[in-house]
Amino acid sequence: EALFMNSKLISGVTEFLNTEEELRELKNFIKSYEEGAAASFSRAVETVEANVQWQRLYKEELFQWLRKSVT
């Protein structure tokens, strides 16, 4: 149960990280705690990498759409 809660906590905390700097910070943090929750951290890194990629691809397009929708 504790491992499941750890996994949920890590996922919840990292789900909305989406910048290169946040990804770098997460990877540096993981280096200190890699032993106990390697799988959870691995999934968290994959999620943040996907968020960074999404932002890189669609951020400007989303902002343009929002500007058109607001005016």
C-alpha atoms as a PDB file:
ATOM      1  CA  GLU A   1       0.000   0.000   0.000  1.00  0.00           C
ATOM      2  CA  ALA A   2       2.836   2.396   0.813  1.00  0.00           C
ATOM      3  CA  LEU A   3       4.433   1.770  -2.577  1.00  0.00           C
ATOM      4  CA  PHE A   4       1.104   2.480  -4.305  1.00  0.00           C
ATOM      5  CA  MET A   5       0.713   5.716  -2.337  1.00  0.00           C
ATOM      6  CA  ASN A   6       4.269   6.702  -3.226  1.00  0.00           C
ATOM      7  CA  SER A   7       3.508   6.127  -6.886  1.00  0.00           C
ATOM      8  CA  LYS A   8       0.318   8.215  -6.706  1.00  0.00           C
ATOM      9  CA  LEU A   9       2.112  11.009  -4.863  1.00  0.00           C
ATOM     10  CA  ILE A  10       4.956  11.154  -7.376  1.00  0.00           C
ATOM     11  CA  SER A  11       2.513  11.096 -10.272  1.00  0.00           C
ATOM     12  CA  GLY A  12       0.337  13.817  -8.745  1.00  0.00           C
ATOM     13  CA  VAL A  13       3.248  16.101  -7.986  1.00  0.00           C
ATOM     14  CA  THR A  14       4.888  15.779 -11.401  1.00  0.00           C
ATOM     15  CA  GLU A  15       1.827  15.586 -13.666  1.00  0.00           C
ATOM     16  CA  PHE A  16       1.778  19.296 -14.467  1.00  0.00           C
ATOM     17  CA  LEU A  17       5.496  19.894 -14.862  1.00  0.00           C
ATOM     18  CA  ASN A  18       6.101  20.966 -18.459  1.00  0.00           C
ATOM     19  CA  THR A  19       9.330  22.910 -18.899  1.00  0.00           C
ATOM     20  CA  GLU A  20      12.868  21.833 -19.671  1.00  0.00           C
ATOM     21  CA  GLU A  21      13.999  23.328 -16.343  1.00  0.00           C
ATOM     22  CA  GLU A  22      11.386  21.376 -14.371  1.00  0.00           C
ATOM     23  CA  LEU A  23      12.385  18.198 -16.193  1.00  0.00           C
ATOM     24  CA  ARG A  24      16.048  18.834 -15.337  1.00  0.00           C
ATOM     25  CA  GLU A  25      15.163  19.463 -11.681  1.00  0.00           C
ATOM     26  CA  LEU A  26      13.113  16.262 -11.532  1.00  0.00           C
ATOM     27  CA  LYS A  27      15.951  14.208 -12.999  1.00  0.00           C
ATOM     28  CA  ASN A  28      18.412  15.729 -10.504  1.00  0.00           C
ATOM     29  CA  PHE A  29      16.025  14.968  -7.634  1.00  0.00           C
ATOM     30  CA  ILE A  30      15.604  11.378  -8.797  1.00  0.00           C
ATOM     31  CA  LYS A  31      19.353  10.793  -8.685  1.00  0.00           C
ATOM     32  CA  SER A  32      19.168  11.151  -4.890  1.00  0.00           C
ATOM     33  CA  TYR A  33      16.183   8.829  -4.346  1.00  0.00           C
ATOM     34  CA  GLU A  34      16.379   6.338  -7.195  1.00  0.00           C
ATOM     35  CA  GLU A  35      16.511   3.151  -5.120  1.00  0.00           C
ATOM     36  CA  GLY A  36      13.033   2.901  -3.598  1.00  0.00           C
ATOM     37  CA  ALA A  37      10.696   4.172  -6.293  1.00  0.00           C
ATOM     38  CA  ALA A  38      12.514   3.686  -9.585  1.00  0.00           C
ATOM     39  CA  ALA A  39       9.395   2.645 -11.541  1.00  0.00           C
ATOM     40  CA  SER A  40       7.336   5.577 -10.268  1.00  0.00           C
ATOM     41  CA  PHE A  41      10.118   8.004 -11.047  1.00  0.00           C
ATOM     42  CA  SER A  42      10.557   6.497 -14.489  1.00  0.00           C
ATOM     43  CA  ARG A  43       6.859   7.034 -15.275  1.00  0.00           C
ATOM     44  CA  ALA A  44       7.063  10.562 -13.877  1.00  0.00           C
ATOM     45  CA  VAL A  45       9.986  11.412 -16.156  1.00  0.00           C
ATOM     46  CA  GLU A  46       8.104   9.996 -19.154  1.00  0.00           C
ATOM     47  CA  THR A  47       5.079  12.133 -18.285  1.00  0.00           C
ATOM     48  CA  VAL A  48       7.115  15.311 -17.906  1.00  0.00           C
ATOM     49  CA  GLU A  49       9.017  14.607 -21.124  1.00  0.00           C
ATOM     50  CA  ALA A  50       5.679  14.225 -22.915  1.00  0.00           C
ATOM     51  CA  ASN A  51       4.440  17.484 -21.351  1.00  0.00           C
ATOM     52  CA  VAL A  52       7.583  19.311 -22.480  1.00  0.00           C
ATOM     53  CA  GLN A  53       7.200  17.928 -25.993  1.00  0.00           C
ATOM     54  CA  TRP A  54       3.507  18.876 -26.123  1.00  0.00           C
ATOM     55  CA  GLN A  55       4.282  22.395 -24.973  1.00  0.00           C
ATOM     56  CA  ARG A  56       7.065  22.699 -27.531  1.00  0.00           C
ATOM     57  CA  LEU A  57       4.736  21.581 -30.339  1.00  0.00           C
ATOM     58  CA  TYR A  58       1.421  23.209 -29.431  1.00  0.00           C
ATOM     59  CA  LYS A  59       1.952  26.095 -26.993  1.00  0.00           C
ATOM     60  CA  GLU A  60       1.987  28.860 -29.612  1.00  0.00           C
ATOM     61  CA  GLU A  61      -0.906  27.335 -31.539  1.00  0.00           C
ATOM     62  CA  LEU A  62      -2.953  27.133 -28.344  1.00  0.00           C
ATOM     63  CA  PHE A  63      -2.178  30.758 -27.446  1.00  0.00           C
ATOM     64  CA  GLN A  64      -3.208  31.898 -30.925  1.00  0.00           C
ATOM     65  CA  TRP A  65      -6.483  29.987 -30.659  1.00  0.00           C
ATOM     66  CA  LEU A  66      -7.160  31.465 -27.221  1.00  0.00           C
ATOM     67  CA  ARG A  67      -6.469  35.006 -28.468  1.00  0.00           C
ATOM     68  CA  LYS A  68      -8.977  34.510 -31.298  1.00  0.00           C
ATOM     69  CA  SER A  69     -11.560  33.029 -28.922  1.00  0.00           C
ATOM     70  CA  VAL A  70     -11.296  35.854 -26.404  1.00  0.00           C
ATOM     71  CA  THR A  71     -11.644  38.689 -28.914  1.00  0.00           C
END
